[in-house]
Amino acid sequence: QRHGTYRVTYVQQSGNCGPILETVSTINKQPQTSDLASLGCTGSISYSDDNCEVTFDTTCPAYNFNVLSYDKMTERGKAIWNVDGSSGTATEQVIILFPANGTITCSSVYNMSLHRL
Protein backbone atom coordinates (compact mmCIF):
# COMPACT_ATOMS: atom_id res chain seq x y z
CA GLN A 1 0.00 0.00 0.00
CA ARG A 2 1.24 3.43 -0.89
CA HIS A 3 0.47 6.11 1.66
CA GLY A 4 2.06 9.31 2.90
CA THR A 5 3.28 12.55 1.41
CA TYR A 6 5.27 12.41 -1.83
CA ARG A 7 7.34 14.86 -3.84
CA VAL A 8 6.35 14.46 -7.49
CA THR A 9 8.53 15.74 -10.30
CA TYR A 10 7.62 15.82 -13.98
CA VAL A 11 9.86 15.88 -17.06
CA GLN A 12 8.10 16.51 -20.35
CA GLN A 13 9.22 14.03 -23.02
CA SER A 14 7.04 15.21 -25.90
CA GLY A 15 3.97 17.27 -26.71
CA ASN A 16 2.74 20.82 -26.36
CA CYS A 17 1.32 21.16 -22.82
CA GLY A 18 4.54 22.59 -21.39
CA PRO A 19 6.31 21.92 -18.12
CA ILE A 20 4.51 20.86 -14.94
CA LEU A 21 5.99 22.17 -11.71
CA GLU A 22 7.11 19.87 -8.89
CA THR A 23 4.24 19.08 -6.54
CA VAL A 24 3.72 17.61 -3.09
CA SER A 25 0.88 15.11 -2.97
CA THR A 26 -0.63 13.09 -0.12
CA ILE A 27 -1.88 9.55 -0.70
CA ASN A 28 -4.20 8.33 2.05
CA LYS A 29 -5.41 5.26 0.20
CA GLN A 30 -4.66 3.65 -3.11
CA PRO A 31 -7.26 4.75 -5.64
CA GLN A 32 -9.45 2.08 -7.18
CA THR A 33 -11.61 2.19 -10.30
CA SER A 34 -14.64 2.22 -7.96
CA ASP A 35 -13.43 5.54 -6.46
CA LEU A 36 -13.51 7.37 -9.81
CA ALA A 37 -17.26 8.04 -9.97
CA SER A 38 -17.29 9.88 -6.63
CA LEU A 39 -14.68 12.25 -8.10
CA GLY A 40 -16.71 12.76 -11.27
CA CYS A 41 -14.15 10.75 -13.24
CA THR A 42 -14.36 7.81 -15.62
CA GLY A 43 -11.84 5.17 -16.64
CA SER A 44 -9.87 2.43 -14.94
CA ILE A 45 -7.03 1.81 -12.50
CA SER A 46 -5.49 -1.65 -12.16
CA TYR A 47 -2.70 -3.17 -10.07
CA SER A 48 -0.30 -6.03 -10.71
CA ASP A 49 -0.42 -9.06 -8.41
CA ASP A 50 2.59 -7.78 -6.45
CA ASN A 51 1.01 -4.28 -6.23
CA CYS A 52 4.15 -2.65 -7.67
CA GLU A 53 2.75 -1.82 -11.09
CA VAL A 54 -0.23 0.51 -11.59
CA THR A 55 -1.88 1.01 -14.98
CA PHE A 56 -4.32 3.89 -15.32
CA ASP A 57 -6.55 5.49 -17.94
CA THR A 58 -8.77 8.15 -16.38
CA THR A 59 -10.68 11.24 -17.47
CA CYS A 60 -11.70 13.82 -14.88
CA PRO A 61 -13.71 17.05 -15.06
CA ALA A 62 -12.62 20.67 -14.71
CA TYR A 63 -9.85 21.32 -12.24
CA ASN A 64 -6.82 23.56 -11.88
CA PHE A 65 -3.74 21.38 -11.63
CA ASN A 66 -0.39 23.04 -11.25
CA VAL A 67 0.06 25.27 -14.30
CA LEU A 68 -2.73 23.54 -16.25
CA SER A 69 -6.35 24.66 -16.25
CA TYR A 70 -8.90 22.63 -18.19
CA ASP A 71 -12.44 21.39 -18.64
CA LYS A 72 -11.39 17.72 -18.81
CA MET A 73 -8.07 15.95 -18.44
CA THR A 74 -7.24 12.42 -19.50
CA GLU A 75 -4.26 10.69 -17.91
CA ARG A 76 -2.97 7.38 -19.29
CA GLY A 77 0.08 5.50 -18.22
CA LYS A 78 1.88 3.11 -15.97
CA ALA A 79 3.65 3.58 -12.64
CA ILE A 80 6.24 1.24 -11.16
CA TRP A 81 6.70 1.39 -7.38
CA ASN A 82 9.33 -0.17 -5.16
CA VAL A 83 8.11 -2.88 -2.78
CA ASP A 84 7.75 -0.64 0.29
CA GLY A 85 5.96 2.11 -1.65
CA SER A 86 8.48 4.80 -0.74
CA SER A 87 9.27 5.73 -4.34
CA GLY A 88 8.14 5.13 -7.87
CA THR A 89 8.43 6.21 -11.46
CA ALA A 90 5.76 6.64 -14.09
CA THR A 91 5.26 7.52 -17.70
CA GLU A 92 2.03 9.37 -18.25
CA GLN A 93 0.26 10.85 -21.24
CA VAL A 94 -1.79 13.94 -20.39
CA ILE A 95 -4.49 15.18 -22.74
CA ILE A 96 -6.14 18.52 -21.87
CA LEU A 97 -9.61 19.20 -23.26
CA PHE A 98 -10.80 22.81 -23.27
CA PRO A 99 -13.40 24.10 -23.80
CA ALA A 100 -16.11 21.62 -22.91
CA ASN A 101 -16.81 20.81 -26.58
CA GLY A 102 -13.92 18.37 -26.40
CA THR A 103 -11.34 20.27 -28.41
CA ILE A 104 -7.87 19.00 -27.51
CA THR A 105 -5.92 21.97 -26.19
CA CYS A 106 -2.72 20.04 -25.67
CA SER A 107 -1.26 16.56 -25.32
CA SER A 108 2.06 15.66 -23.70
CA VAL A 109 3.96 12.70 -22.30
CA TYR A 110 5.75 13.12 -18.97
CA ASN A 111 8.17 10.99 -17.00
CA MET A 112 7.36 11.25 -13.31
CA SER A 113 9.33 10.50 -10.17
CA LEU A 114 7.61 10.09 -6.81
CA HIS A 115 9.49 10.03 -3.48
CA ARG A 116 7.95 9.79 -0.01
CA LEU A 117 8.96 12.68 2.19
C-alpha atoms as a PDB file:
ATOM      1  CA  GLN A   1       0.000   0.000   0.000  1.00  0.00           C
ATOM      2  CA  ARG A   2       1.236   3.431  -0.888  1.00  0.00           C
ATOM      3  CA  HIS A   3       0.475   6.114   1.665  1.00  0.00           C
ATOM      4  CA  GLY A   4       2.058   9.306   2.895  1.00  0.00           C
ATOM      5  CA  THR A   5       3.277  12.551   1.409  1.00  0.00           C
ATOM      6  CA  TYR A   6       5.272  12.410  -1.828  1.00  0.00           C
ATOM      7  CA  ARG A   7       7.345  14.859  -3.837  1.00  0.00           C
ATOM      8  CA  VAL A   8       6.346  14.463  -7.487  1.00  0.00           C
ATOM      9  CA  THR A   9       8.535  15.744 -10.303  1.00  0.00           C
ATOM     10  CA  TYR A  10       7.622  15.819 -13.984  1.00  0.00           C
ATOM     11  CA  VAL A  11       9.859  15.883 -17.060  1.00  0.00           C
ATOM     12  CA  GLN A  12       8.095  16.506 -20.351  1.00  0.00           C
ATOM     13  CA  GLN A  13       9.217  14.031 -23.020  1.00  0.00           C
ATOM     14  CA  SER A  14       7.036  15.210 -25.903  1.00  0.00           C
ATOM     15  CA  GLY A  15       3.970  17.271 -26.714  1.00  0.00           C
ATOM     16  CA  ASN A  16       2.742  20.818 -26.364  1.00  0.00           C
ATOM     17  CA  CYS A  17       1.317  21.163 -22.824  1.00  0.00           C
ATOM     18  CA  GLY A  18       4.536  22.595 -21.391  1.00  0.00           C
ATOM     19  CA  PRO A  19       6.307  21.919 -18.116  1.00  0.00           C
ATOM     20  CA  ILE A  20       4.514  20.858 -14.943  1.00  0.00           C
ATOM     21  CA  LEU A  21       5.993  22.172 -11.708  1.00  0.00           C
ATOM     22  CA  GLU A  22       7.106  19.873  -8.894  1.00  0.00           C
ATOM     23  CA  THR A  23       4.235  19.084  -6.538  1.00  0.00           C
ATOM     24  CA  VAL A  24       3.723  17.607  -3.085  1.00  0.00           C
ATOM     25  CA  SER A  25       0.879  15.107  -2.968  1.00  0.00           C
ATOM     26  CA  THR A  26      -0.631  13.089  -0.117  1.00  0.00           C
ATOM     27  CA  ILE A  27      -1.878   9.554  -0.703  1.00  0.00           C
ATOM     28  CA  ASN A  28      -4.199   8.328   2.052  1.00  0.00           C
ATOM     29  CA  LYS A  29      -5.405   5.256   0.200  1.00  0.00           C
ATOM     30  CA  GLN A  30      -4.655   3.649  -3.113  1.00  0.00           C
ATOM     31  CA  PRO A  31      -7.260   4.747  -5.639  1.00  0.00           C
ATOM     32  CA  GLN A  32      -9.447   2.081  -7.181  1.00  0.00           C
ATOM     33  CA  THR A  33     -11.613   2.190 -10.304  1.00  0.00           C
ATOM     34  CA  SER A  34     -14.640   2.221  -7.965  1.00  0.00           C
ATOM     35  CA  ASP A  35     -13.427   5.544  -6.465  1.00  0.00           C
ATOM     36  CA  LEU A  36     -13.506   7.367  -9.810  1.00  0.00           C
ATOM     37  CA  ALA A  37     -17.255   8.035  -9.974  1.00  0.00           C
ATOM     38  CA  SER A  38     -17.288   9.875  -6.633  1.00  0.00           C
ATOM     39  CA  LEU A  39     -14.682  12.250  -8.099  1.00  0.00           C
ATOM     40  CA  GLY A  40     -16.709  12.764 -11.267  1.00  0.00           C
ATOM     41  CA  CYS A  41     -14.154  10.752 -13.237  1.00  0.00           C
ATOM     42  CA  THR A  42     -14.362   7.805 -15.616  1.00  0.00           C
ATOM     43  CA  GLY A  43     -11.836   5.171 -16.638  1.00  0.00           C
ATOM     44  CA  SER A  44      -9.873   2.430 -14.939  1.00  0.00           C
ATOM     45  CA  ILE A  45      -7.029   1.806 -12.504  1.00  0.00           C
ATOM     46  CA  SER A  46      -5.490  -1.645 -12.159  1.00  0.00           C
ATOM     47  CA  TYR A  47      -2.699  -3.170 -10.072  1.00  0.00           C
ATOM     48  CA  SER A  48      -0.300  -6.027 -10.709  1.00  0.00           C
ATOM     49  CA  ASP A  49      -0.424  -9.059  -8.413  1.00  0.00           C
ATOM     50  CA  ASP A  50       2.592  -7.784  -6.450  1.00  0.00           C
ATOM     51  CA  ASN A  51       1.012  -4.281  -6.228  1.00  0.00           C
ATOM     52  CA  CYS A  52       4.153  -2.655  -7.670  1.00  0.00           C
ATOM     53  CA  GLU A  53       2.747  -1.817 -11.089  1.00  0.00           C
ATOM     54  CA  VAL A  54      -0.226   0.510 -11.593  1.00  0.00           C
ATOM     55  CA  THR A  55      -1.880   1.012 -14.982  1.00  0.00           C
ATOM     56  CA  PHE A  56      -4.324   3.894 -15.324  1.00  0.00           C
ATOM     57  CA  ASP A  57      -6.554   5.492 -17.944  1.00  0.00           C
ATOM     58  CA  THR A  58      -8.774   8.146 -16.378  1.00  0.00           C
ATOM     59  CA  THR A  59     -10.677  11.240 -17.470  1.00  0.00           C
ATOM     60  CA  CYS A  60     -11.696  13.821 -14.878  1.00  0.00           C
ATOM     61  CA  PRO A  61     -13.707  17.053 -15.056  1.00  0.00           C
ATOM     62  CA  ALA A  62     -12.618  20.671 -14.710  1.00  0.00           C
ATOM     63  CA  TYR A  63      -9.849  21.323 -12.241  1.00  0.00           C
ATOM     64  CA  ASN A  64      -6.819  23.560 -11.878  1.00  0.00           C
ATOM     65  CA  PHE A  65      -3.744  21.378 -11.625  1.00  0.00           C
ATOM     66  CA  ASN A  66      -0.387  23.040 -11.246  1.00  0.00           C
ATOM     67  CA  VAL A  67       0.059  25.275 -14.304  1.00  0.00           C
ATOM     68  CA  LEU A  68      -2.725  23.541 -16.255  1.00  0.00           C
ATOM     69  CA  SER A  69      -6.347  24.656 -16.246  1.00  0.00           C
ATOM     70  CA  TYR A  70      -8.899  22.632 -18.194  1.00  0.00           C
ATOM     71  CA  ASP A  71     -12.441  21.385 -18.643  1.00  0.00           C
ATOM     72  CA  LYS A  72     -11.390  17.725 -18.814  1.00  0.00           C
ATOM     73  CA  MET A  73      -8.069  15.954 -18.439  1.00  0.00           C
ATOM     74  CA  THR A  74      -7.239  12.422 -19.496  1.00  0.00           C
ATOM     75  CA  GLU A  75      -4.257  10.686 -17.906  1.00  0.00           C
ATOM     76  CA  ARG A  76      -2.970   7.382 -19.286  1.00  0.00           C
ATOM     77  CA  GLY A  77       0.083   5.502 -18.225  1.00  0.00           C
ATOM     78  CA  LYS A  78       1.883   3.110 -15.966  1.00  0.00           C
ATOM     79  CA  ALA A  79       3.648   3.577 -12.639  1.00  0.00           C
ATOM     80  CA  ILE A  80       6.242   1.237 -11.160  1.00  0.00           C
ATOM     81  CA  TRP A  81       6.698   1.389  -7.377  1.00  0.00           C
ATOM     82  CA  ASN A  82       9.330  -0.174  -5.164  1.00  0.00           C
ATOM     83  CA  VAL A  83       8.106  -2.878  -2.781  1.00  0.00           C
ATOM     84  CA  ASP A  84       7.745  -0.637   0.294  1.00  0.00           C
ATOM     85  CA  GLY A  85       5.962   2.115  -1.645  1.00  0.00           C
ATOM     86  CA  SER A  86       8.483   4.802  -0.736  1.00  0.00           C
ATOM     87  CA  SER A  87       9.269   5.725  -4.343  1.00  0.00           C
ATOM     88  CA  GLY A  88       8.142   5.132  -7.870  1.00  0.00           C
ATOM     89  CA  THR A  89       8.432   6.210 -11.461  1.00  0.00           C
ATOM     90  CA  ALA A  90       5.763   6.637 -14.087  1.00  0.00           C
ATOM     91  CA  THR A  91       5.261   7.520 -17.705  1.00  0.00           C
ATOM     92  CA  GLU A  92       2.030   9.371 -18.252  1.00  0.00           C
ATOM     93  CA  GLN A  93       0.255  10.848 -21.244  1.00  0.00           C
ATOM     94  CA  VAL A  94      -1.785  13.945 -20.392  1.00  0.00           C
ATOM     95  CA  ILE A  95      -4.493  15.184 -22.744  1.00  0.00           C
ATOM     96  CA  ILE A  96      -6.138  18.519 -21.866  1.00  0.00           C
ATOM     97  CA  LEU A  97      -9.606  19.202 -23.262  1.00  0.00           C
ATOM     98  CA  PHE A  98     -10.798  22.811 -23.266  1.00  0.00           C
ATOM     99  CA  PRO A  99     -13.403  24.102 -23.798  1.00  0.00           C
ATOM    100  CA  ALA A 100     -16.112  21.618 -22.913  1.00  0.00           C
ATOM    101  CA  ASN A 101     -16.813  20.814 -26.578  1.00  0.00           C
ATOM    102  CA  GLY A 102     -13.921  18.365 -26.405  1.00  0.00           C
ATOM    103  CA  THR A 103     -11.337  20.269 -28.411  1.00  0.00           C
ATOM    104  CA  ILE A 104      -7.875  19.001 -27.508  1.00  0.00           C
ATOM    105  CA  THR A 105      -5.919  21.973 -26.186  1.00  0.00           C
ATOM    106  CA  CYS A 106      -2.717  20.042 -25.670  1.00  0.00           C
ATOM    107  CA  SER A 107      -1.259  16.565 -25.323  1.00  0.00           C
ATOM    108  CA  SER A 108       2.060  15.659 -23.702  1.00  0.00           C
ATOM    109  CA  VAL A 109       3.958  12.700 -22.303  1.00  0.00           C
ATOM    110  CA  TYR A 110       5.750  13.118 -18.970  1.00  0.00           C
ATOM    111  CA  ASN A 111       8.173  10.991 -16.998  1.00  0.00           C
ATOM    112  CA  MET A 112       7.356  11.252 -13.315  1.00  0.00           C
ATOM    113  CA  SER A 113       9.333  10.499 -10.168  1.00  0.00           C
ATOM    114  CA  LEU A 114       7.607  10.089  -6.811  1.00  0.00           C
ATOM    115  CA  HIS A 115       9.487  10.034  -3.481  1.00  0.00           C
ATOM    116  CA  ARG A 116       7.947   9.785  -0.011  1.00  0.00           C
ATOM    117  CA  LEU A 117       8.956  12.684   2.191  1.00  0.00           C
END
